[in-house]
Amino acid sequence: MESTEFLKYASQIALFIMTVAMLFPMFRLFRGPTLTDRIVALDQMELTIMGMILCYAVYSEKQIYLDVVLMSSFLLAFGAMIITRYLFKRKIEND
């Protein structure tokens, strides 16, 4: 078995596992008791999607998807900071 063939099989298995793993944060997103739980679940889903894109990049052997993941990780971090700032200001206004 060649190494590229092994990587294709491994990336397919990883994609399946990550697809199943998306169910857990989806449950927390819809049933989370607080807004904070829902935000954390959304971040976890976004990270899982980035992992799925990375696995697809290995499977398709196209490096452009790595740039997509890099840019989306910057946006994810920036979005998390904005949401945290909003929640912090909202908590101060409610107190």
PDB file of N, CA and C in Angstrom:
ATOM      1  N   MET A   1       0.851  -1.182   0.000  1.00  0.00           N
ATOM      2  CA  MET A   1       0.000   0.000   0.000  1.00  0.00           C
ATOM      3  C   MET A   1       0.894   1.241   0.000  1.00  0.00           C
ATOM      4  N   GLU A   2       0.634   2.119  -0.925  1.00  0.00           N
ATOM      5  CA  GLU A   2       1.409   3.351  -1.013  1.00  0.00           C
ATOM      6  C   GLU A   2       1.007   4.313   0.096  1.00  0.00           C
ATOM      7  N   SER A   3       1.882   5.254   0.371  1.00  0.00           N
ATOM      8  CA  SER A   3       1.587   6.210   1.444  1.00  0.00           C
ATOM      9  C   SER A   3       0.430   7.133   1.071  1.00  0.00           C
ATOM     10  N   THR A   4       0.323   7.510  -0.198  1.00  0.00           N
ATOM     11  CA  THR A   4      -0.792   8.382  -0.592  1.00  0.00           C
ATOM     12  C   THR A   4      -2.121   7.646  -0.510  1.00  0.00           C
ATOM     13  N   GLU A   5      -2.106   6.363  -0.830  1.00  0.00           N
ATOM     14  CA  GLU A   5      -3.331   5.567  -0.724  1.00  0.00           C
ATOM     15  C   GLU A   5      -3.742   5.421   0.739  1.00  0.00           C
ATOM     16  N   PHE A   6      -2.756   5.215   1.607  1.00  0.00           N
ATOM     17  CA  PHE A   6      -3.042   5.127   3.040  1.00  0.00           C
ATOM     18  C   PHE A   6      -3.612   6.441   3.564  1.00  0.00           C
ATOM     19  N   LEU A   7      -3.045   7.563   3.124  1.00  0.00           N
ATOM     20  CA  LEU A   7      -3.541   8.868   3.564  1.00  0.00           C
ATOM     21  C   LEU A   7      -4.966   9.113   3.093  1.00  0.00           C
ATOM     22  N   LYS A   8      -5.295   8.644   1.911  1.00  0.00           N
ATOM     23  CA  LYS A   8      -6.672   8.801   1.419  1.00  0.00           C
ATOM     24  C   LYS A   8      -7.650   8.008   2.274  1.00  0.00           C
ATOM     25  N   TYR A   9      -7.296   6.770   2.613  1.00  0.00           N
ATOM     26  CA  TYR A   9      -8.173   5.967   3.469  1.00  0.00           C
ATOM     27  C   TYR A   9      -8.277   6.566   4.870  1.00  0.00           C
ATOM     28  N   ALA A  10      -7.144   7.012   5.397  1.00  0.00           N
ATOM     29  CA  ALA A  10      -7.144   7.595   6.742  1.00  0.00           C
ATOM     30  C   ALA A  10      -7.957   8.884   6.781  1.00  0.00           C
ATOM     31  N   SER A  11      -7.866   9.687   5.733  1.00  0.00           N
ATOM     32  CA  SER A  11      -8.638  10.933   5.719  1.00  0.00           C
ATOM     33  C   SER A  11     -10.128  10.657   5.575  1.00  0.00           C
ATOM     34  N   GLN A  12     -10.501   9.603   4.850  1.00  0.00           N
ATOM     35  CA  GLN A  12     -11.917   9.236   4.759  1.00  0.00           C
ATOM     36  C   GLN A  12     -12.454   8.780   6.111  1.00  0.00           C
ATOM     37  N   ILE A  13     -11.673   8.003   6.828  1.00  0.00           N
ATOM     38  CA  ILE A  13     -12.089   7.551   8.160  1.00  0.00           C
ATOM     39  C   ILE A  13     -12.194   8.739   9.106  1.00  0.00           C
ATOM     40  N   ALA A  14     -11.218   9.645   9.035  1.00  0.00           N
ATOM     41  CA  ALA A  14     -11.245  10.827   9.901  1.00  0.00           C
ATOM     42  C   ALA A  14     -12.439  11.721   9.578  1.00  0.00           C
ATOM     43  N   LEU A  15     -12.777  11.851   8.303  1.00  0.00           N
ATOM     44  CA  LEU A  15     -13.950  12.645   7.925  1.00  0.00           C
ATOM     45  C   LEU A  15     -15.228  12.039   8.491  1.00  0.00           C
ATOM     46  N   PHE A  16     -15.329  10.724   8.458  1.00  0.00           N
ATOM     47  CA  PHE A  16     -16.506  10.061   9.021  1.00  0.00           C
ATOM     48  C   PHE A  16     -16.583  10.286  10.530  1.00  0.00           C
ATOM     49  N   ILE A  17     -15.459  10.145  11.214  1.00  0.00           N
ATOM     50  CA  ILE A  17     -15.444  10.337  12.669  1.00  0.00           C
ATOM     51  C   ILE A  17     -15.804  11.776  13.021  1.00  0.00           C
ATOM     52  N   MET A  18     -15.284  12.731  12.275  1.00  0.00           N
ATOM     53  CA  MET A  18     -15.599  14.132  12.554  1.00  0.00           C
ATOM     54  C   MET A  18     -17.054  14.456  12.250  1.00  0.00           C
ATOM     55  N   THR A  19     -17.615  13.800  11.245  1.00  0.00           N
ATOM     56  CA  THR A  19     -19.035  13.998  10.952  1.00  0.00           C
ATOM     57  C   THR A  19     -19.890  13.512  12.109  1.00  0.00           C
ATOM     58  N   VAL A  20     -19.544  12.363  12.662  1.00  0.00           N
ATOM     59  CA  VAL A  20     -20.268  11.850  13.830  1.00  0.00           C
ATOM     60  C   VAL A  20     -20.035  12.760  15.036  1.00  0.00           C
ATOM     61  N   ALA A  21     -18.814  13.275  15.162  1.00  0.00           N
ATOM     62  CA  ALA A  21     -18.493  14.149  16.293  1.00  0.00           C
ATOM     63  C   ALA A  21     -19.239  15.474  16.236  1.00  0.00           C
ATOM     64  N   MET A  22     -19.757  15.843  15.077  1.00  0.00           N
ATOM     65  CA  MET A  22     -20.533  17.085  14.969  1.00  0.00           C
ATOM     66  C   MET A  22     -21.871  16.995  15.695  1.00  0.00           C
ATOM     67  N   LEU A  23     -22.337  15.782  15.971  1.00  0.00           N
ATOM     68  CA  LEU A  23     -23.634  15.623  16.633  1.00  0.00           C
ATOM     69  C   LEU A  23     -23.619  16.152  18.067  1.00  0.00           C
ATOM     70  N   PHE A  24     -22.506  15.985  18.769  1.00  0.00           N
ATOM     71  CA  PHE A  24     -22.438  16.395  20.165  1.00  0.00           C
ATOM     72  C   PHE A  24     -22.534  17.912  20.345  1.00  0.00           C
ATOM     73  N   PRO A  25     -21.741  18.707  19.613  1.00  0.00           N
ATOM     74  CA  PRO A  25     -21.934  20.154  19.761  1.00  0.00           C
ATOM     75  C   PRO A  25     -23.267  20.651  19.206  1.00  0.00           C
ATOM     76  N   MET A  26     -23.823  19.937  18.211  1.00  0.00           N
ATOM     77  CA  MET A  26     -25.152  20.332  17.720  1.00  0.00           C
ATOM     78  C   MET A  26     -26.198  20.179  18.816  1.00  0.00           C
ATOM     79  N   PHE A  27     -26.090  19.092  19.563  1.00  0.00           N
ATOM     80  CA  PHE A  27     -27.011  18.881  20.675  1.00  0.00           C
ATOM     81  C   PHE A  27     -26.870  20.005  21.699  1.00  0.00           C
ATOM     82  N   ARG A  28     -25.628  20.372  22.016  1.00  0.00           N
ATOM     83  CA  ARG A  28     -25.389  21.438  22.994  1.00  0.00           C
ATOM     84  C   ARG A  28     -25.830  22.785  22.436  1.00  0.00           C
ATOM     85  N   LEU A  29     -25.711  22.972  21.128  1.00  0.00           N
ATOM     86  CA  LEU A  29     -26.119  24.233  20.512  1.00  0.00           C
ATOM     87  C   LEU A  29     -27.624  24.437  20.627  1.00  0.00           C
ATOM     88  N   PHE A  30     -28.391  23.393  20.394  1.00  0.00           N
ATOM     89  CA  PHE A  30     -29.846  23.523  20.429  1.00  0.00           C
ATOM     90  C   PHE A  30     -30.427  23.380  21.829  1.00  0.00           C
ATOM     91  N   ARG A  31     -29.770  22.631  22.696  1.00  0.00           N
ATOM     92  CA  ARG A  31     -30.326  22.369  24.019  1.00  0.00           C
ATOM     93  C   ARG A  31     -29.523  23.001  25.150  1.00  0.00           C
ATOM     94  N   GLY A  32     -28.511  23.800  24.821  1.00  0.00           N
ATOM     95  CA  GLY A  32     -27.669  24.386  25.849  1.00  0.00           C
ATOM     96  C   GLY A  32     -28.458  25.251  26.809  1.00  0.00           C
ATOM     97  N   PRO A  33     -28.217  25.094  28.094  1.00  0.00           N
ATOM     98  CA  PRO A  33     -29.015  25.868  29.041  1.00  0.00           C
ATOM     99  C   PRO A  33     -28.700  27.370  29.027  1.00  0.00           C
ATOM    100  N   THR A  34     -27.486  27.741  28.674  1.00  0.00           N
ATOM    101  CA  THR A  34     -27.130  29.159  28.688  1.00  0.00           C
ATOM    102  C   THR A  34     -26.586  29.573  27.322  1.00  0.00           C
ATOM    103  N   LEU A  35     -26.515  30.873  27.137  1.00  0.00           N
ATOM    104  CA  LEU A  35     -25.967  31.417  25.898  1.00  0.00           C
ATOM    105  C   LEU A  35     -24.483  31.080  25.766  1.00  0.00           C
ATOM    106  N   THR A  36     -23.779  31.056  26.874  1.00  0.00           N
ATOM    107  CA  THR A  36     -22.356  30.724  26.846  1.00  0.00           C
ATOM    108  C   THR A  36     -22.134  29.302  26.346  1.00  0.00           C
ATOM    109  N   ASP A  37     -22.973  28.360  26.791  1.00  0.00           N
ATOM    110  CA  ASP A  37     -22.865  26.983  26.306  1.00  0.00           C
ATOM    111  C   ASP A  37     -23.083  26.912  24.802  1.00  0.00           C
ATOM    112  N   ARG A  38     -24.003  27.689  24.318  1.00  0.00           N
ATOM    113  CA  ARG A  38     -24.282  27.677  22.881  1.00  0.00           C
ATOM    114  C   ARG A  38     -23.127  28.267  22.078  1.00  0.00           C
ATOM    115  N   ILE A  39     -22.498  29.287  22.603  1.00  0.00           N
ATOM    116  CA  ILE A  39     -21.361  29.898  21.913  1.00  0.00           C
ATOM    117  C   ILE A  39     -20.179  28.940  21.878  1.00  0.00           C
ATOM    118  N   VAL A  40     -19.922  28.263  22.987  1.00  0.00           N
ATOM    119  CA  VAL A  40     -18.834  27.284  23.026  1.00  0.00           C
ATOM    120  C   VAL A  40     -19.117  26.138  22.054  1.00  0.00           C
ATOM    121  N   ALA A  41     -20.372  25.698  21.983  1.00  0.00           N
ATOM    122  CA  ALA A  41     -20.739  24.629  21.049  1.00  0.00           C
ATOM    123  C   ALA A  41     -20.546  25.077  19.608  1.00  0.00           C
ATOM    124  N   LEU A  42     -20.884  26.317  19.316  1.00  0.00           N
ATOM    125  CA  LEU A  42     -20.693  26.837  17.962  1.00  0.00           C
ATOM    126  C   LEU A  42     -19.209  26.898  17.606  1.00  0.00           C
ATOM    127  N   ASP A  43     -18.373  27.331  18.553  1.00  0.00           N
ATOM    128  CA  ASP A  43     -16.930  27.345  18.316  1.00  0.00           C
ATOM    129  C   ASP A  43     -16.400  25.930  18.089  1.00  0.00           C
ATOM    130  N   GLN A  44     -16.897  24.980  18.864  1.00  0.00           N
ATOM    131  CA  GLN A  44     -16.457  23.597  18.696  1.00  0.00           C
ATOM    132  C   GLN A  44     -16.871  23.059  17.326  1.00  0.00           C
ATOM    133  N   MET A  45     -18.051  23.423  16.878  1.00  0.00           N
ATOM    134  CA  MET A  45     -18.492  22.993  15.550  1.00  0.00           C
ATOM    135  C   MET A  45     -17.616  23.610  14.461  1.00  0.00           C
ATOM    136  N   GLU A  46     -17.261  24.869  14.630  1.00  0.00           N
ATOM    137  CA  GLU A  46     -16.403  25.527  13.646  1.00  0.00           C
ATOM    138  C   GLU A  46     -15.021  24.886  13.606  1.00  0.00           C
ATOM    139  N   LEU A  47     -14.486  24.522  14.767  1.00  0.00           N
ATOM    140  CA  LEU A  47     -13.187  23.852  14.796  1.00  0.00           C
ATOM    141  C   LEU A  47     -13.260  22.473  14.143  1.00  0.00           C
ATOM    142  N   THR A  48     -14.356  21.776  14.357  1.00  0.00           N
ATOM    143  CA  THR A  48     -14.528  20.469  13.724  1.00  0.00           C
ATOM    144  C   THR A  48     -14.635  20.612  12.210  1.00  0.00           C
ATOM    145  N   ILE A  49     -15.328  21.640  11.763  1.00  0.00           N
ATOM    146  CA  ILE A  49     -15.431  21.882  10.320  1.00  0.00           C
ATOM    147  C   ILE A  49     -14.057  22.199   9.732  1.00  0.00           C
ATOM    148  N   MET A  50     -13.240  22.956  10.467  1.00  0.00           N
ATOM    149  CA  MET A  50     -11.891  23.230   9.982  1.00  0.00           C
ATOM    150  C   MET A  50     -11.079  21.940   9.897  1.00  0.00           C
ATOM    151  N   GLY A  51     -11.247  21.050  10.865  1.00  0.00           N
ATOM    152  CA  GLY A  51     -10.577  19.751  10.794  1.00  0.00           C
ATOM    153  C   GLY A  51     -11.045  18.935   9.610  1.00  0.00           C
ATOM    154  N   MET A  52     -12.330  19.029   9.310  1.00  0.00           N
ATOM    155  CA  MET A  52     -12.862  18.312   8.148  1.00  0.00           C
ATOM    156  C   MET A  52     -12.284  18.870   6.849  1.00  0.00           C
ATOM    157  N   ILE A  53     -12.127  20.180   6.793  1.00  0.00           N
ATOM    158  CA  ILE A  53     -11.522  20.790   5.603  1.00  0.00           C
ATOM    159  C   ILE A  53     -10.065  20.352   5.465  1.00  0.00           C
ATOM    160  N   LEU A  54      -9.358  20.252   6.596  1.00  0.00           N
ATOM    161  CA  LEU A  54      -7.974  19.777   6.545  1.00  0.00           C
ATOM    162  C   LEU A  54      -7.902  18.334   6.051  1.00  0.00           C
ATOM    163  N   CYS A  55      -8.805  17.501   6.531  1.00  0.00           N
ATOM    164  CA  CYS A  55      -8.835  16.108   6.057  1.00  0.00           C
ATOM    165  C   CYS A  55      -9.145  16.048   4.568  1.00  0.00           C
ATOM    166  N   TYR A  56     -10.038  16.908   4.121  1.00  0.00           N
ATOM    167  CA  TYR A  56     -10.345  16.935   2.691  1.00  0.00           C
ATOM    168  C   TYR A  56      -9.144  17.431   1.891  1.00  0.00           C
ATOM    169  N   ALA A  57      -8.369  18.347   2.460  1.00  0.00           N
ATOM    170  CA  ALA A  57      -7.165  18.824   1.777  1.00  0.00           C
ATOM    171  C   ALA A  57      -6.167  17.685   1.602  1.00  0.00           C
ATOM    172  N   VAL A  58      -6.052  16.831   2.613  1.00  0.00           N
ATOM    173  CA  VAL A  58      -5.168  15.670   2.493  1.00  0.00           C
ATOM    174  C   VAL A  58      -5.717  14.701   1.454  1.00  0.00           C
ATOM    175  N   TYR A  59      -7.031  14.495   1.480  1.00  0.00           N
ATOM    176  CA  TYR A  59      -7.661  13.555   0.546  1.00  0.00           C
ATOM    177  C   TYR A  59      -7.535  14.024  -0.904  1.00  0.00           C
ATOM    178  N   SER A  60      -7.787  15.303  -1.138  1.00  0.00           N
ATOM    179  CA  SER A  60      -7.765  15.810  -2.514  1.00  0.00           C
ATOM    180  C   SER A  60      -6.376  16.235  -2.976  1.00  0.00           C
ATOM    181  N   GLU A  61      -5.432  16.290  -2.048  1.00  0.00           N
ATOM    182  CA  GLU A  61      -4.053  16.696  -2.336  1.00  0.00           C
ATOM    183  C   GLU A  61      -3.977  18.101  -2.927  1.00  0.00           C
ATOM    184  N   LYS A  62      -4.834  18.993  -2.441  1.00  0.00           N
ATOM    185  CA  LYS A  62      -4.823  20.390  -2.876  1.00  0.00           C
ATOM    186  C   LYS A  62      -4.484  21.266  -1.680  1.00  0.00           C
ATOM    187  N   GLN A  63      -3.458  22.080  -1.832  1.00  0.00           N
ATOM    188  CA  GLN A  63      -2.977  22.888  -0.723  1.00  0.00           C
ATOM    189  C   GLN A  63      -3.779  24.164  -0.506  1.00  0.00           C
ATOM    190  N   ILE A  64      -4.633  24.521  -1.431  1.00  0.00           N
ATOM    191  CA  ILE A  64      -5.407  25.757  -1.293  1.00  0.00           C
ATOM    192  C   ILE A  64      -6.321  25.689  -0.079  1.00  0.00           C
ATOM    193  N   TYR A  65      -6.759  24.486   0.275  1.00  0.00           N
ATOM    194  CA  TYR A  65      -7.646  24.339   1.426  1.00  0.00           C
ATOM    195  C   TYR A  65      -6.937  24.667   2.741  1.00  0.00           C
ATOM    196  N   LEU A  66      -5.623  24.543   2.762  1.00  0.00           N
ATOM    197  CA  LEU A  66      -4.876  24.913   3.962  1.00  0.00           C
ATOM    198  C   LEU A  66      -4.966  26.416   4.208  1.00  0.00           C
ATOM    199  N   ASP A  67      -4.937  27.194   3.133  1.00  0.00           N
ATOM    200  CA  ASP A  67      -5.103  28.641   3.261  1.00  0.00           C
ATOM    201  C   ASP A  67      -6.498  28.990   3.762  1.00  0.00           C
ATOM    202  N   VAL A  68      -7.485  28.246   3.301  1.00  0.00           N
ATOM    203  CA  VAL A  68      -8.861  28.477   3.748  1.00  0.00           C
ATOM    204  C   VAL A  68      -8.971  28.244   5.250  1.00  0.00           C
ATOM    205  N   VAL A  69      -8.360  27.169   5.733  1.00  0.00           N
ATOM    206  CA  VAL A  69      -8.410  26.864   7.165  1.00  0.00           C
ATOM    207  C   VAL A  69      -7.652  27.915   7.965  1.00  0.00           C
ATOM    208  N   LEU A  70      -6.533  28.365   7.447  1.00  0.00           N
ATOM    209  CA  LEU A  70      -5.756  29.388   8.148  1.00  0.00           C
ATOM    210  C   LEU A  70      -6.551  30.682   8.295  1.00  0.00           C
ATOM    211  N   MET A  71      -7.183  31.124   7.226  1.00  0.00           N
ATOM    212  CA  MET A  71      -7.972  32.356   7.292  1.00  0.00           C
ATOM    213  C   MET A  71      -9.208  32.189   8.178  1.00  0.00           C
ATOM    214  N   SER A  72      -9.853  31.042   8.099  1.00  0.00           N
ATOM    215  CA  SER A  72     -11.038  30.841   8.938  1.00  0.00           C
ATOM    216  C   SER A  72     -10.662  30.737  10.408  1.00  0.00           C
ATOM    217  N   SER A  73      -9.457  30.262  10.715  1.00  0.00           N
ATOM    218  CA  SER A  73      -9.044  30.227  12.123  1.00  0.00           C
ATOM    219  C   SER A  73      -8.834  31.639  12.662  1.00  0.00           C
ATOM    220  N   PHE A  74      -8.313  32.536  11.832  1.00  0.00           N
ATOM    221  CA  PHE A  74      -8.192  33.930  12.257  1.00  0.00           C
ATOM    222  C   PHE A  74      -9.568  34.544  12.501  1.00  0.00           C
ATOM    223  N   LEU A  75     -10.496  34.276  11.599  1.00  0.00           N
ATOM    224  CA  LEU A  75     -11.848  34.808  11.764  1.00  0.00           C
ATOM    225  C   LEU A  75     -12.539  34.213  12.983  1.00  0.00           C
ATOM    226  N   LEU A  76     -12.292  32.944  13.260  1.00  0.00           N
ATOM    227  CA  LEU A  76     -12.880  32.296  14.425  1.00  0.00           C
ATOM    228  C   LEU A  76     -12.370  32.934  15.716  1.00  0.00           C
ATOM    229  N   ALA A  77     -11.076  33.177  15.792  1.00  0.00           N
ATOM    230  CA  ALA A  77     -10.514  33.800  16.987  1.00  0.00           C
ATOM    231  C   ALA A  77     -11.039  35.225  17.151  1.00  0.00           C
ATOM    232  N   PHE A  78     -11.107  35.965  16.060  1.00  0.00           N
ATOM    233  CA  PHE A  78     -11.611  37.335  16.116  1.00  0.00           C
ATOM    234  C   PHE A  78     -13.083  37.358  16.516  1.00  0.00           C
ATOM    235  N   GLY A  79     -13.867  36.448  15.965  1.00  0.00           N
ATOM    236  CA  GLY A  79     -15.285  36.365  16.312  1.00  0.00           C
ATOM    237  C   GLY A  79     -15.501  35.994  17.763  1.00  0.00           C
ATOM    238  N   ALA A  80     -14.679  35.101  18.280  1.00  0.00           N
ATOM    239  CA  ALA A  80     -14.798  34.719  19.691  1.00  0.00           C
ATOM    240  C   ALA A  80     -14.499  35.911  20.601  1.00  0.00           C
ATOM    241  N   MET A  81     -13.518  36.726  20.218  1.00  0.00           N
ATOM    242  CA  MET A  81     -13.215  37.913  21.022  1.00  0.00           C
ATOM    243  C   MET A  81     -14.372  38.905  20.994  1.00  0.00           C
ATOM    244  N   ILE A  82     -14.984  39.089  19.845  1.00  0.00           N
ATOM    245  CA  ILE A  82     -16.106  40.026  19.733  1.00  0.00           C
ATOM    246  C   ILE A  82     -17.292  39.551  20.560  1.00  0.00           C
ATOM    247  N   ILE A  83     -17.607  38.270  20.482  1.00  0.00           N
ATOM    248  CA  ILE A  83     -18.740  37.734  21.242  1.00  0.00           C
ATOM    249  C   ILE A  83     -18.475  37.813  22.736  1.00  0.00           C
ATOM    250  N   THR A  84     -17.252  37.532  23.157  1.00  0.00           N
ATOM    251  CA  THR A  84     -16.905  37.632  24.573  1.00  0.00           C
ATOM    252  C   THR A  84     -17.032  39.065  25.064  1.00  0.00           C
ATOM    253  N   ARG A  85     -16.584  39.999  24.257  1.00  0.00           N
ATOM    254  CA  ARG A  85     -16.706  41.410  24.643  1.00  0.00           C
ATOM    255  C   ARG A  85     -18.169  41.826  24.754  1.00  0.00           C
ATOM    256  N   TYR A  86     -19.000  41.365  23.826  1.00  0.00           N
ATOM    257  CA  TYR A  86     -20.429  41.671  23.871  1.00  0.00           C
ATOM    258  C   TYR A  86     -21.067  41.099  25.135  1.00  0.00           C
ATOM    259  N   LEU A  87     -20.758  39.850  25.447  1.00  0.00           N
ATOM    260  CA  LEU A  87     -21.337  39.231  26.644  1.00  0.00           C
ATOM    261  C   LEU A  87     -20.869  39.930  27.915  1.00  0.00           C
ATOM    262  N   PHE A  88     -19.601  40.349  27.937  1.00  0.00           N
ATOM    263  CA  PHE A  88     -19.075  41.045  29.110  1.00  0.00           C
ATOM    264  C   PHE A  88     -19.781  42.386  29.299  1.00  0.00           C
ATOM    265  N   LYS A  89     -19.969  43.134  28.211  1.00  0.00           N
ATOM    266  CA  LYS A  89     -20.674  44.417  28.314  1.00  0.00           C
ATOM    267  C   LYS A  89     -22.129  44.219  28.700  1.00  0.00           C
ATOM    268  N   ARG A  90     -22.742  43.181  28.180  1.00  0.00           N
ATOM    269  CA  ARG A  90     -24.140  42.894  28.513  1.00  0.00           C
ATOM    270  C   ARG A  90     -24.291  42.548  29.993  1.00  0.00           C
ATOM    271  N   LYS A  91     -23.321  41.832  30.528  1.00  0.00           N
ATOM    272  CA  LYS A  91     -23.367  41.467  31.945  1.00  0.00           C
ATOM    273  C   LYS A  91     -23.194  42.703  32.820  1.00  0.00           C
ATOM    274  N   ILE A  92     -22.307  43.615  32.425  1.00  0.00           N
ATOM    275  CA  ILE A  92     -22.092  44.838  33.201  1.00  0.00           C
ATOM    276  C   ILE A  92     -23.351  45.702  33.183  1.00  0.00           C
ATOM    277  N   GLU A  93     -24.007  45.795  32.027  1.00  0.00           N
ATOM    278  CA  GLU A  93     -25.220  46.613  31.936  1.00  0.00           C
ATOM    279  C   GLU A  93     -26.366  46.022  32.747  1.00  0.00           C
ATOM    280  N   ASN A  94     -26.421  44.710  32.861  1.00  0.00           N
ATOM    281  CA  ASN A  94     -27.492  44.067  33.623  1.00  0.00           C
ATOM    282  C   ASN A  94     -27.266  44.145  35.127  1.00  0.00           C
ATOM    283  N   ASP A  95     -26.018  44.321  35.555  1.00  0.00           N
ATOM    284  CA  ASP A  95     -25.721  44.393  37.005  1.00  0.00           C
ATOM    285  C   ASP A  95     -26.019  45.733  37.594  1.00  0.00           C
TER     286      ASP A  95
END
